[in-house]
C-alpha atoms as a PDB file:
ATOM      1  CA  UNK A   1     -44.469 -33.049 -27.332  1.00  0.00           C
ATOM      2  CA  UNK A   2     -45.837 -34.095 -23.969  1.00  0.00           C
ATOM      3  CA  UNK A   3     -45.188 -31.834 -21.117  1.00  0.00           C
ATOM      4  CA  UNK A   4     -44.215 -33.650 -17.818  1.00  0.00           C
ATOM      5  CA  UNK A   5     -46.066 -32.940 -14.699  1.00  0.00           C
ATOM      6  CA  UNK A   6     -43.802 -30.850 -12.359  1.00  0.00           C
ATOM      7  CA  UNK A   7     -42.651 -32.304  -9.193  1.00  0.00           C
ATOM      8  CA  UNK A   8     -44.006 -30.689  -6.007  1.00  0.00           C
ATOM      9  CA  UNK A   9     -41.975 -29.416  -3.191  1.00  0.00           C
ATOM     10  CA  UNK A  10     -43.247 -29.903   0.427  1.00  0.00           C
ATOM     11  CA  UNK A  11     -41.971 -26.998   2.387  1.00  0.00           C
ATOM     12  CA  UNK A  12     -41.769 -28.813   5.718  1.00  0.00           C
ATOM     13  CA  UNK A  13     -37.972 -28.951   6.260  1.00  0.00           C
ATOM     14  CA  UNK A  14     -36.536 -26.520   8.720  1.00  0.00           C
ATOM     15  CA  UNK A  15     -33.586 -24.441   7.517  1.00  0.00           C
ATOM     16  CA  UNK A  16     -30.166 -25.701   8.304  1.00  0.00           C
ATOM     17  CA  UNK A  17     -27.891 -23.731  10.707  1.00  0.00           C
ATOM     18  CA  UNK A  18     -25.780 -22.240   7.914  1.00  0.00           C
ATOM     19  CA  UNK A  19     -28.796 -20.811   6.168  1.00  0.00           C
ATOM     20  CA  UNK A  20     -30.318 -19.567   9.365  1.00  0.00           C
ATOM     21  CA  UNK A  21     -26.966 -17.773  10.290  1.00  0.00           C
ATOM     22  CA  UNK A  22     -26.641 -15.997   6.876  1.00  0.00           C
ATOM     23  CA  UNK A  23     -30.279 -15.033   7.095  1.00  0.00           C
ATOM     24  CA  UNK A  24     -29.696 -13.655  10.587  1.00  0.00           C
ATOM     25  CA  UNK A  25     -26.733 -11.599   9.386  1.00  0.00           C
ATOM     26  CA  UNK A  26     -28.869 -10.254   6.525  1.00  0.00           C
ATOM     27  CA  UNK A  27     -31.628  -9.139   8.911  1.00  0.00           C
ATOM     28  CA  UNK A  28     -29.056  -7.530  11.209  1.00  0.00           C
ATOM     29  CA  UNK A  29     -27.553  -5.649   8.328  1.00  0.00           C
ATOM     30  CA  UNK A  30     -30.881  -4.088   7.542  1.00  0.00           C
ATOM     31  CA  UNK A  31     -32.056  -3.348  11.162  1.00  0.00           C
ATOM     32  CA  UNK A  32     -28.972  -2.598  13.182  1.00  0.00           C
ATOM     33  CA  UNK A  33     -28.017   0.724  11.583  1.00  0.00           C
ATOM     34  CA  UNK A  34     -31.641   2.004  12.138  1.00  0.00           C
ATOM     35  CA  UNK A  35     -31.581   0.914  15.766  1.00  0.00           C
ATOM     36  CA  UNK A  36     -28.242   2.678  16.177  1.00  0.00           C
ATOM     37  CA  UNK A  37     -29.476   5.832  14.541  1.00  0.00           C
ATOM     38  CA  UNK A  38     -32.420   5.851  16.913  1.00  0.00           C
ATOM     39  CA  UNK A  39     -30.162   5.311  19.929  1.00  0.00           C
ATOM     40  CA  UNK A  40     -27.863   8.128  18.635  1.00  0.00           C
ATOM     41  CA  UNK A  41     -30.464  10.662  19.556  1.00  0.00           C
ATOM     42  CA  UNK A  42     -29.979   9.854  23.226  1.00  0.00           C
ATOM     43  CA  UNK A  43     -26.392   8.747  23.292  1.00  0.00           C
ATOM     44  CA  UNK A  44     -23.632  11.025  22.041  1.00  0.00           C
ATOM     45  CA  UNK A  45     -20.519   9.203  23.029  1.00  0.00           C
ATOM     46  CA  UNK A  46     -18.944   7.636  19.937  1.00  0.00           C
ATOM     47  CA  UNK A  47     -17.361   4.670  21.791  1.00  0.00           C
ATOM     48  CA  UNK A  48     -20.647   3.767  23.453  1.00  0.00           C
ATOM     49  CA  UNK A  49     -22.515   3.905  20.096  1.00  0.00           C
ATOM     50  CA  UNK A  50     -19.833   1.650  18.538  1.00  0.00           C
ATOM     51  CA  UNK A  51     -20.067  -0.964  21.286  1.00  0.00           C
ATOM     52  CA  UNK A  52     -23.889  -0.655  21.156  1.00  0.00           C
ATOM     53  CA  UNK A  53     -23.775  -1.147  17.398  1.00  0.00           C
ATOM     54  CA  UNK A  54     -21.869  -4.444  17.742  1.00  0.00           C
ATOM     55  CA  UNK A  55     -24.049  -5.621  20.588  1.00  0.00           C
ATOM     56  CA  UNK A  56     -27.209  -4.935  18.665  1.00  0.00           C
ATOM     57  CA  UNK A  57     -25.864  -6.582  15.519  1.00  0.00           C
ATOM     58  CA  UNK A  58     -24.999  -9.727  17.467  1.00  0.00           C
ATOM     59  CA  UNK A  59     -28.440  -9.735  19.222  1.00  0.00           C
ATOM     60  CA  UNK A  60     -30.445  -9.319  16.014  1.00  0.00           C
ATOM     61  CA  UNK A  61     -28.336 -11.894  14.256  1.00  0.00           C
ATOM     62  CA  UNK A  62     -29.045 -14.419  17.054  1.00  0.00           C
ATOM     63  CA  UNK A  63     -32.684 -13.637  17.317  1.00  0.00           C
ATOM     64  CA  UNK A  64     -33.336 -13.537  13.570  1.00  0.00           C
ATOM     65  CA  UNK A  65     -31.224 -16.641  12.990  1.00  0.00           C
ATOM     66  CA  UNK A  66     -33.183 -18.487  15.612  1.00  0.00           C
ATOM     67  CA  UNK A  67     -36.501 -17.432  14.186  1.00  0.00           C
ATOM     68  CA  UNK A  68     -35.432 -18.505  10.640  1.00  0.00           C
ATOM     69  CA  UNK A  69     -34.223 -21.891  11.958  1.00  0.00           C
ATOM     70  CA  UNK A  70     -37.680 -22.501  13.398  1.00  0.00           C
ATOM     71  CA  UNK A  71     -39.581 -21.504  10.311  1.00  0.00           C
ATOM     72  CA  UNK A  72     -40.455 -24.595   8.267  1.00  0.00           C
ATOM     73  CA  UNK A  73     -39.778 -24.468   4.575  1.00  0.00           C
ATOM     74  CA  UNK A  74     -38.643 -20.767   4.517  1.00  0.00           C
ATOM     75  CA  UNK A  75     -35.754 -21.353   2.094  1.00  0.00           C
ATOM     76  CA  UNK A  76     -38.056 -23.274  -0.286  1.00  0.00           C
ATOM     77  CA  UNK A  77     -40.751 -20.594  -0.167  1.00  0.00           C
ATOM     78  CA  UNK A  78     -38.208 -17.742  -0.816  1.00  0.00           C
ATOM     79  CA  UNK A  79     -36.164 -19.569  -3.423  1.00  0.00           C
ATOM     80  CA  UNK A  80     -39.107 -20.412  -5.675  1.00  0.00           C
ATOM     81  CA  UNK A  81     -39.812 -16.826  -6.615  1.00  0.00           C
ATOM     82  CA  UNK A  82     -37.727 -14.794  -9.032  1.00  0.00           C
ATOM     83  CA  UNK A  83     -38.589 -11.739  -6.962  1.00  0.00           C
ATOM     84  CA  UNK A  84     -36.317 -13.161  -4.229  1.00  0.00           C
ATOM     85  CA  UNK A  85     -33.470 -11.206  -5.915  1.00  0.00           C
ATOM     86  CA  UNK A  86     -35.152  -8.113  -4.634  1.00  0.00           C
ATOM     87  CA  UNK A  87     -33.816  -9.021  -1.066  1.00  0.00           C
ATOM     88  CA  UNK A  88     -30.353  -8.247  -2.419  1.00  0.00           C
ATOM     89  CA  UNK A  89     -31.528  -4.975  -3.852  1.00  0.00           C
ATOM     90  CA  UNK A  90     -33.479  -3.811  -0.901  1.00  0.00           C
ATOM     91  CA  UNK A  91     -30.488  -2.419   1.048  1.00  0.00           C
ATOM     92  CA  UNK A  92     -29.911   0.184  -1.626  1.00  0.00           C
ATOM     93  CA  UNK A  93     -33.115   1.844  -0.387  1.00  0.00           C
ATOM     94  CA  UNK A  94     -31.374   2.918   2.841  1.00  0.00           C
ATOM     95  CA  UNK A  95     -28.629   4.658   0.767  1.00  0.00           C
ATOM     96  CA  UNK A  96     -31.185   6.367  -1.503  1.00  0.00           C
ATOM     97  CA  UNK A  97     -33.273   7.400   1.631  1.00  0.00           C
ATOM     98  CA  UNK A  98     -30.176   8.839   3.344  1.00  0.00           C
ATOM     99  CA  UNK A  99     -29.375  11.159   0.386  1.00  0.00           C
ATOM    100  CA  UNK A 100     -33.045  12.048   0.072  1.00  0.00           C
ATOM    101  CA  UNK A 101     -32.988  13.142   3.733  1.00  0.00           C
ATOM    102  CA  UNK A 102     -29.929  15.253   3.163  1.00  0.00           C
ATOM    103  CA  UNK A 103     -31.686  16.913   0.264  1.00  0.00           C
ATOM    104  CA  UNK A 104     -34.982  17.673   1.847  1.00  0.00           C
ATOM    105  CA  UNK A 105     -34.453  17.718   5.627  1.00  0.00           C
ATOM    106  CA  UNK A 106     -32.797  20.743   7.222  1.00  0.00           C
ATOM    107  CA  UNK A 107     -31.248  19.014  10.224  1.00  0.00           C
ATOM    108  CA  UNK A 108     -29.859  15.468   9.583  1.00  0.00           C
ATOM    109  CA  UNK A 109     -27.428  13.739  11.880  1.00  0.00           C
ATOM    110  CA  UNK A 110     -23.962  13.283  10.476  1.00  0.00           C
ATOM    111  CA  UNK A 111     -24.073   9.606  11.168  1.00  0.00           C
ATOM    112  CA  UNK A 112     -26.914   8.979   8.767  1.00  0.00           C
ATOM    113  CA  UNK A 113     -24.788   8.573   5.641  1.00  0.00           C
ATOM    114  CA  UNK A 114     -22.242   6.209   7.233  1.00  0.00           C
ATOM    115  CA  UNK A 115     -25.056   4.017   8.598  1.00  0.00           C
ATOM    116  CA  UNK A 116     -26.739   4.002   5.289  1.00  0.00           C
ATOM    117  CA  UNK A 117     -23.574   2.886   3.667  1.00  0.00           C
ATOM    118  CA  UNK A 118     -23.187   0.154   6.200  1.00  0.00           C
ATOM    119  CA  UNK A 119     -26.740  -1.068   5.542  1.00  0.00           C
ATOM    120  CA  UNK A 120     -26.250  -1.016   1.750  1.00  0.00           C
ATOM    121  CA  UNK A 121     -22.840  -2.767   1.735  1.00  0.00           C
ATOM    122  CA  UNK A 122     -23.573  -5.313   4.458  1.00  0.00           C
ATOM    123  CA  UNK A 123     -27.036  -5.894   3.144  1.00  0.00           C
ATOM    124  CA  UNK A 124     -25.802  -6.769  -0.328  1.00  0.00           C
ATOM    125  CA  UNK A 125     -22.911  -8.749   1.146  1.00  0.00           C
ATOM    126  CA  UNK A 126     -25.229 -11.055   3.081  1.00  0.00           C
ATOM    127  CA  UNK A 127     -28.320 -10.600   0.858  1.00  0.00           C
ATOM    128  CA  UNK A 128     -26.743 -12.122  -2.171  1.00  0.00           C
ATOM    129  CA  UNK A 129     -25.634 -15.408  -0.495  1.00  0.00           C
ATOM    130  CA  UNK A 130     -29.030 -15.541   1.332  1.00  0.00           C
ATOM    131  CA  UNK A 131     -30.872 -15.427  -2.030  1.00  0.00           C
ATOM    132  CA  UNK A 132     -28.427 -17.910  -3.593  1.00  0.00           C
ATOM    133  CA  UNK A 133     -28.795 -20.305  -0.786  1.00  0.00           C
ATOM    134  CA  UNK A 134     -32.602 -20.039  -0.879  1.00  0.00           C
ATOM    135  CA  UNK A 135     -32.787 -20.792  -4.598  1.00  0.00           C
ATOM    136  CA  UNK A 136     -30.311 -23.701  -4.223  1.00  0.00           C
ATOM    137  CA  UNK A 137     -32.354 -25.215  -1.321  1.00  0.00           C
ATOM    138  CA  UNK A 138     -35.513 -24.811  -3.381  1.00  0.00           C
ATOM    139  CA  UNK A 139     -34.049 -26.702  -6.286  1.00  0.00           C
ATOM    140  CA  UNK A 140     -32.834 -29.498  -3.988  1.00  0.00           C
ATOM    141  CA  UNK A 141     -36.296 -29.803  -2.470  1.00  0.00           C
ATOM    142  CA  UNK A 142     -38.192 -29.817  -5.765  1.00  0.00           C
ATOM    143  CA  UNK A 143     -35.854 -32.139  -7.660  1.00  0.00           C
ATOM    144  CA  UNK A 144     -35.227 -34.665  -4.715  1.00  0.00           C
ATOM    145  CA  UNK A 145     -37.610 -37.104  -6.330  1.00  0.00           C
ATOM    146  CA  UNK A 146     -37.464 -35.822  -9.895  1.00  0.00           C
ATOM    147  CA  UNK A 147     -36.362 -37.837 -12.910  1.00  0.00           C
ATOM    148  CA  UNK A 148     -33.443 -36.629 -14.853  1.00  0.00           C
ATOM    149  CA  UNK A 149     -33.484 -37.237 -18.586  1.00  0.00           C
ATOM    150  CA  UNK A 150     -30.323 -35.567 -19.765  1.00  0.00           C
ATOM    151  CA  UNK A 151     -27.445 -33.301 -18.635  1.00  0.00           C
ATOM    152  CA  UNK A 152     -24.645 -31.273 -20.265  1.00  0.00           C
ATOM    153  CA  UNK A 153     -22.045 -28.822 -19.375  1.00  0.00           C
ATOM    154  CA  UNK A 154     -21.269 -25.911 -21.667  1.00  0.00           C
ATOM    155  CA  UNK A 155     -19.962 -22.363 -21.935  1.00  0.00           C
ATOM    156  CA  UNK A 156     -21.664 -19.512 -23.881  1.00  0.00           C
ATOM    157  CA  UNK A 157     -21.189 -19.818 -27.676  1.00  0.00           C
ATOM    158  CA  UNK A 158     -17.858 -18.494 -28.975  1.00  0.00           C
ATOM    159  CA  UNK A 159     -19.344 -15.292 -30.402  1.00  0.00           C
ATOM    160  CA  UNK A 160     -21.015 -14.355 -27.152  1.00  0.00           C
ATOM    161  CA  UNK A 161     -17.905 -15.094 -25.173  1.00  0.00           C
ATOM    162  CA  UNK A 162     -15.990 -12.661 -27.264  1.00  0.00           C
ATOM    163  CA  UNK A 163     -18.668  -9.934 -26.672  1.00  0.00           C
ATOM    164  CA  UNK A 164     -18.490 -10.697 -22.974  1.00  0.00           C
ATOM    165  CA  UNK A 165     -14.671 -10.483 -22.848  1.00  0.00           C
ATOM    166  CA  UNK A 166     -14.779  -7.176 -24.806  1.00  0.00           C
ATOM    167  CA  UNK A 167     -17.252  -5.737 -22.388  1.00  0.00           C
ATOM    168  CA  UNK A 168     -15.074  -6.890 -19.432  1.00  0.00           C
ATOM    169  CA  UNK A 169     -12.030  -5.271 -20.863  1.00  0.00           C
ATOM    170  CA  UNK A 170     -13.903  -2.007 -21.490  1.00  0.00           C
ATOM    171  CA  UNK A 171     -15.224  -1.989 -17.871  1.00  0.00           C
ATOM    172  CA  UNK A 172     -11.850  -2.657 -16.348  1.00  0.00           C
ATOM    173  CA  UNK A 173     -10.055  -0.194 -18.584  1.00  0.00           C
ATOM    174  CA  UNK A 174     -12.601   2.531 -17.656  1.00  0.00           C
ATOM    175  CA  UNK A 175     -12.114   1.833 -14.003  1.00  0.00           C
ATOM    176  CA  UNK A 176      -8.302   2.213 -14.404  1.00  0.00           C
ATOM    177  CA  UNK A 177      -8.698   5.503 -16.274  1.00  0.00           C
ATOM    178  CA  UNK A 178     -11.102   6.673 -13.537  1.00  0.00           C
ATOM    179  CA  UNK A 179      -8.524   5.849 -10.855  1.00  0.00           C
ATOM    180  CA  UNK A 180      -5.815   7.839 -12.652  1.00  0.00           C
ATOM    181  CA  UNK A 181      -8.166  10.729 -13.318  1.00  0.00           C
ATOM    182  CA  UNK A 182      -9.276  10.990  -9.760  1.00  0.00           C
ATOM    183  CA  UNK A 183      -5.930  10.399  -7.958  1.00  0.00           C
ATOM    184  CA  UNK A 184      -3.739  12.265 -10.544  1.00  0.00           C
ATOM    185  CA  UNK A 185      -6.000  15.095 -11.587  1.00  0.00           C
ATOM    186  CA  UNK A 186      -8.856  15.193  -9.034  1.00  0.00           C
ATOM    187  CA  UNK A 187     -11.461  14.793 -11.771  1.00  0.00           C
ATOM    188  CA  UNK A 188     -14.954  14.951 -10.144  1.00  0.00           C
ATOM    189  CA  UNK A 189     -16.743  12.711 -12.610  1.00  0.00           C
ATOM    190  CA  UNK A 190     -14.282   9.865 -11.984  1.00  0.00           C
ATOM    191  CA  UNK A 191     -16.466   8.427  -9.259  1.00  0.00           C
ATOM    192  CA  UNK A 192     -19.229   7.591 -11.689  1.00  0.00           C
ATOM    193  CA  UNK A 193     -17.005   5.824 -14.095  1.00  0.00           C
ATOM    194  CA  UNK A 194     -16.185   3.268 -11.459  1.00  0.00           C
ATOM    195  CA  UNK A 195     -19.705   1.834 -12.045  1.00  0.00           C
ATOM    196  CA  UNK A 196     -18.485   0.622 -15.451  1.00  0.00           C
ATOM    197  CA  UNK A 197     -16.216  -1.818 -13.786  1.00  0.00           C
ATOM    198  CA  UNK A 198     -19.286  -3.578 -12.421  1.00  0.00           C
ATOM    199  CA  UNK A 199     -20.147  -4.938 -15.943  1.00  0.00           C
ATOM    200  CA  UNK A 200     -17.309  -7.589 -15.697  1.00  0.00           C
ATOM    201  CA  UNK A 201     -18.894  -9.199 -12.663  1.00  0.00           C
ATOM    202  CA  UNK A 202     -21.872 -10.875 -14.346  1.00  0.00           C
ATOM    203  CA  UNK A 203     -19.960 -11.373 -17.650  1.00  0.00           C
ATOM    204  CA  UNK A 204     -17.076 -13.136 -15.909  1.00  0.00           C
ATOM    205  CA  UNK A 205     -19.183 -16.274 -16.064  1.00  0.00           C
ATOM    206  CA  UNK A 206     -19.115 -16.321 -19.892  1.00  0.00           C
ATOM    207  CA  UNK A 207     -16.048 -18.463 -20.042  1.00  0.00           C
ATOM    208  CA  UNK A 208     -17.125 -20.583 -17.031  1.00  0.00           C
ATOM    209  CA  UNK A 209     -19.169 -23.732 -17.967  1.00  0.00           C
ATOM    210  CA  UNK A 210     -22.717 -24.123 -16.610  1.00  0.00           C
ATOM    211  CA  UNK A 211     -24.302 -27.385 -16.094  1.00  0.00           C
ATOM    212  CA  UNK A 212     -27.819 -27.978 -17.354  1.00  0.00           C
ATOM    213  CA  UNK A 213     -30.003 -30.832 -16.169  1.00  0.00           C
ATOM    214  CA  UNK A 214     -33.253 -31.694 -17.929  1.00  0.00           C
ATOM    215  CA  UNK A 215     -35.762 -33.136 -15.384  1.00  0.00           C
ATOM    216  CA  UNK A 216     -39.525 -33.638 -15.198  1.00  0.00           C
ATOM    217  CA  UNK A 217     -39.690 -30.581 -12.961  1.00  0.00           C
ATOM    218  CA  UNK A 218     -37.929 -28.253 -15.508  1.00  0.00           C
ATOM    219  CA  UNK A 219     -34.370 -27.309 -16.392  1.00  0.00           C
ATOM    220  CA  UNK A 220     -31.876 -26.927 -13.548  1.00  0.00           C
ATOM    221  CA  UNK A 221     -29.034 -24.505 -14.203  1.00  0.00           C
ATOM    222  CA  UNK A 222     -26.032 -25.058 -11.973  1.00  0.00           C
ATOM    223  CA  UNK A 223     -23.106 -22.854 -11.350  1.00  0.00           C
ATOM    224  CA  UNK A 224     -20.568 -23.190  -8.521  1.00  0.00           C
ATOM    225  CA  UNK A 225     -22.424 -22.710  -5.207  1.00  0.00           C
ATOM    226  CA  UNK A 226     -25.662 -21.909  -6.987  1.00  0.00           C
ATOM    227  CA  UNK A 227     -28.572 -23.819  -8.537  1.00  0.00           C
ATOM    228  CA  UNK A 228     -31.819 -22.560  -9.914  1.00  0.00           C
ATOM    229  CA  UNK A 229     -34.793 -24.299 -11.468  1.00  0.00           C
ATOM    230  CA  UNK A 230     -36.725 -23.023 -14.497  1.00  0.00           C
ATOM    231  CA  UNK A 231     -39.933 -24.844 -14.897  1.00  0.00           C
ATOM    232  CA  UNK A 232     -41.110 -25.963 -18.317  1.00  0.00           C
ATOM    233  CA  UNK A 233     -43.724 -23.153 -18.336  1.00  0.00           C
ATOM    234  CA  UNK A 234     -40.836 -20.632 -18.306  1.00  0.00           C
ATOM    235  CA  UNK A 235     -39.800 -21.736 -21.883  1.00  0.00           C
ATOM    236  CA  UNK A 236     -41.273 -21.137 -25.270  1.00  0.00           C
ATOM    237  CA  UNK A 237     -39.091 -23.689 -26.917  1.00  0.00           C
ATOM    238  CA  UNK A 238     -35.538 -24.369 -27.988  1.00  0.00           C
ATOM    239  CA  UNK A 239     -33.371 -24.195 -31.100  1.00  0.00           C
ATOM    240  CA  UNK A 240     -30.111 -25.760 -32.347  1.00  0.00           C
ATOM    241  CA  UNK A 241     -27.877 -23.994 -34.772  1.00  0.00           C
ATOM    242  CA  UNK A 242     -24.377 -24.751 -36.095  1.00  0.00           C
ATOM    243  CA  UNK A 243     -22.741 -23.184 -33.130  1.00  0.00           C
ATOM    244  CA  UNK A 244     -25.311 -22.986 -30.244  1.00  0.00           C
ATOM    245  CA  UNK A 245     -28.049 -24.762 -28.341  1.00  0.00           C
ATOM    246  CA  UNK A 246     -30.521 -22.071 -27.250  1.00  0.00           C
ATOM    247  CA  UNK A 247     -33.325 -22.444 -24.646  1.00  0.00           C
ATOM    248  CA  UNK A 248     -35.896 -19.778 -25.517  1.00  0.00           C
ATOM    249  CA  UNK A 249     -37.793 -18.186 -22.615  1.00  0.00           C
ATOM    250  CA  UNK A 250     -41.495 -17.560 -22.704  1.00  0.00           C
ATOM    251  CA  UNK A 251     -41.099 -14.133 -21.102  1.00  0.00           C
ATOM    252  CA  UNK A 252     -39.605 -11.385 -23.342  1.00  0.00           C
ATOM    253  CA  UNK A 253     -37.522  -9.999 -20.457  1.00  0.00           C
ATOM    254  CA  UNK A 254     -35.708 -13.283 -19.668  1.00  0.00           C
ATOM    255  CA  UNK A 255     -32.399 -13.767 -21.351  1.00  0.00           C
ATOM    256  CA  UNK A 256     -31.997 -16.830 -23.610  1.00  0.00           C
ATOM    257  CA  UNK A 257     -29.848 -19.669 -22.241  1.00  0.00           C
ATOM    258  CA  UNK A 258     -27.179 -20.279 -24.797  1.00  0.00           C
ATOM    259  CA  UNK A 259     -24.738 -23.201 -24.825  1.00  0.00           C
ATOM    260  CA  UNK A 260     -21.772 -23.747 -27.130  1.00  0.00           C
ATOM    261  CA  UNK A 261     -22.843 -26.658 -29.314  1.00  0.00           C
ATOM    262  CA  UNK A 262     -19.301 -28.052 -29.405  1.00  0.00           C
ATOM    263  CA  UNK A 263     -19.410 -28.284 -25.514  1.00  0.00           C
ATOM    264  CA  UNK A 264     -22.556 -30.471 -25.548  1.00  0.00           C
ATOM    265  CA  UNK A 265     -21.162 -34.052 -25.304  1.00  0.00           C
ATOM    266  CA  UNK A 266     -24.260 -35.974 -26.439  1.00  0.00           C
ATOM    267  CA  UNK A 267     -26.408 -33.526 -28.463  1.00  0.00           C
ATOM    268  CA  UNK A 268     -28.890 -36.297 -29.628  1.00  0.00           C
ATOM    269  CA  UNK A 269     -29.662 -37.317 -26.091  1.00  0.00           C
ATOM    270  CA  UNK A 270     -30.176 -33.689 -24.998  1.00  0.00           C
ATOM    271  CA  UNK A 271     -32.420 -32.954 -28.019  1.00  0.00           C
ATOM    272  CA  UNK A 272     -34.439 -36.107 -27.260  1.00  0.00           C
ATOM    273  CA  UNK A 273     -34.893 -35.032 -23.623  1.00  0.00           C
ATOM    274  CA  UNK A 274     -35.951 -31.498 -24.590  1.00  0.00           C
ATOM    275  CA  UNK A 275     -38.455 -32.794 -27.154  1.00  0.00           C
ATOM    276  CA  UNK A 276     -40.419 -34.294 -24.297  1.00  0.00           C
ATOM    277  CA  UNK A 277     -41.490 -30.922 -23.127  1.00  0.00           C
ATOM    278  CA  UNK A 278     -40.521 -28.190 -25.577  1.00  0.00           C
ATOM    279  CA  UNK A 279     -41.187 -27.234 -29.167  1.00  0.00           C
ATOM    280  CA  UNK A 280     -38.220 -26.946 -31.470  1.00  0.00           C
ATOM    281  CA  UNK A 281     -37.619 -23.631 -33.257  1.00  0.00           C
ATOM    282  CA  UNK A 282     -40.479 -21.699 -31.824  1.00  0.00           C
ATOM    283  CA  UNK A 283     -41.833 -18.636 -33.610  1.00  0.00           C
END
């Protein structure tokens, strides 16, 4: 096994307008509610606050988008880090902070919770695509001059697809039960059961093929609208069984990348490409 030298990305390209716009919306989602809350201490008229909220949102979006568009290589620098996903989680801090304020502060303006919800929902709504766009642009920059040795398109192995479908059905069924319990019987715990419906979101990709590309920079994993690069150092090796091709991560907390063996069109070519950089059947 001879590990290839990774390609290097030169973060000199300025972000494109679409990326800058989404980034501006994300920054506005985080800052506008806080600015509105501060203004609410001096302005009591609801209509004025509403108009001011929209004006501040537009202004922050424009200013932040302009600044992002002028920052060379921002998308590449953000997208290269796994921690970039924290940008999509950060808006939840406002929601947690609002409930902490209600619990420990005697006098809290009534607008705090609605503004915190706006921050959380809008922050996640714009934060997720911002992270996805960052990672995709990082992959494009790193692999622009990379050599591709093999590629395949595959779903999860059959057994794992069945587990995913079962979890999806359980999550959706629980959500339906919660709706009936809340609307029909006013059950207070039904609100928490809604969270089980979230399990189907990541598992919905189980039946959707992913594209894997073996390059000298690492393995590119492609989904619709999203690409991410896992460098060779991120893997401990790979294995091939009767039903699956598995890329084994070096970190214990990373999930294994499993592909249905029957979906891999040219398994010999893929194995030959992986042998360039990875050990087969690692301990």
